[in-house]
Each structure stands twice: as structure tokens, then as C-alpha cells.
Protein backbone atom coordinates (compact mmCIF):
# COMPACT_ATOMS: atom_id res chain seq x y z
CA ARG A 1 -0.50 9.38 11.89
CA VAL A 2 1.32 6.89 9.70
CA ILE A 3 -0.75 5.19 7.03
CA LEU A 4 -0.12 1.81 5.45
CA LYS A 5 0.70 3.39 2.11
CA THR A 6 3.60 5.25 3.74
CA ILE A 7 4.89 2.12 5.44
CA GLY A 8 4.60 0.17 2.19
CA ALA A 9 6.68 2.79 0.39
CA MET A 10 9.49 2.28 2.95
CA LEU A 11 9.61 -1.51 2.50
CA PRO A 12 11.61 -3.23 -0.25
CA GLN A 13 9.14 -3.93 -3.10
CA LYS A 14 10.75 -7.26 -3.97
CA LYS A 15 10.18 -8.62 -0.46
CA PHE A 16 6.78 -7.20 0.48
CA LEU A 17 3.42 -6.97 -1.24
CA ARG A 18 0.24 -5.17 -0.36
CA ILE A 19 -2.64 -7.62 -0.66
CA HIS A 20 -5.45 -5.67 1.01
CA ARG A 21 -6.08 -2.12 2.13
CA SER A 22 -5.21 -3.32 5.65
CA PHE A 23 -2.39 -5.81 4.97
CA ILE A 24 1.14 -5.90 3.61
CA VAL A 25 2.84 -9.31 3.70
CA ALA A 26 6.35 -10.63 3.22
CA VAL A 27 6.32 -12.51 -0.09
CA ASP A 28 8.57 -15.30 1.22
CA LYS A 29 6.05 -16.02 4.02
CA ILE A 30 3.19 -16.82 1.61
CA ARG A 31 2.51 -20.56 1.59
CA SER A 32 -0.52 -20.51 -0.74
CA PHE A 33 -2.91 -18.04 -2.27
CA SER A 34 -6.17 -17.66 -4.14
CA ARG A 35 -8.04 -14.65 -5.44
CA GLN A 36 -9.76 -14.31 -2.06
CA SER A 37 -7.08 -15.15 0.51
CA VAL A 38 -3.44 -15.79 1.31
CA THR A 39 -2.21 -18.43 3.75
CA LEU A 40 1.05 -17.58 5.47
CA ALA A 41 3.75 -19.98 6.64
CA SER A 42 2.39 -19.52 10.18
CA GLY A 43 -0.98 -20.91 9.04
CA GLN A 44 -2.77 -17.56 9.34
CA THR A 45 -5.19 -16.75 6.53
CA ILE A 46 -5.51 -13.14 5.36
CA PRO A 47 -8.08 -11.78 2.90
CA VAL A 48 -7.01 -10.42 -0.47
CA GLY A 49 -8.67 -7.22 -1.63
CA ARG A 50 -10.33 -7.26 -5.06
CA GLN A 51 -8.09 -4.54 -6.39
CA TYR A 52 -4.96 -6.44 -5.31
CA SER A 53 -5.76 -9.98 -6.50
CA ALA A 54 -4.49 -9.61 -10.09
CA LEU A 55 -1.21 -8.06 -8.92
CA LEU A 56 -0.78 -10.79 -6.31
CA ALA A 57 -1.31 -13.57 -8.86
CA GLU A 58 1.04 -11.96 -11.37
CA ARG A 59 3.76 -11.35 -8.82
CA LEU A 60 3.66 -14.85 -7.33
CA GLN A 61 3.50 -16.57 -10.72
CA ASN A 62 6.62 -14.67 -11.79
CA GLN A 63 8.46 -15.82 -8.66
CA LYS A 64 8.33 -19.49 -9.64
């Protein structure tokens, strides 16, 4: 059984970010974000886990 943590460790950290215990997203596909959710370029909205929101905000602010 492969868990998300293992998959996340295989992905390039600069291109992917874990935003929830169930989701890893490609950073360049994020259109907008808040502390509660991320909207992808496809229009899909994904929840952001509480423990990941600060890291998400920091990472995306540093990308600008």
C-alpha cells in the first residue's frame, strides 16, 4: 500500500505542495488560495487542511 506521504517524497518539492492529508497539488496549477481552500486552473476547488495553511501561504507568497 502506497501512502500519500511516500508519493509526496518522490515528487519535486519546488513543483508540488501538500495542502491536505488527502491532496498534493502542482504549485503552478494553483489559481487562487485562502486559508480554507485552493482553486486550481481547472476551476476545481480543494480544501486546505489546518496544519497546511500556514505553509501554503508562506510558499505561495514567496513565489511572487
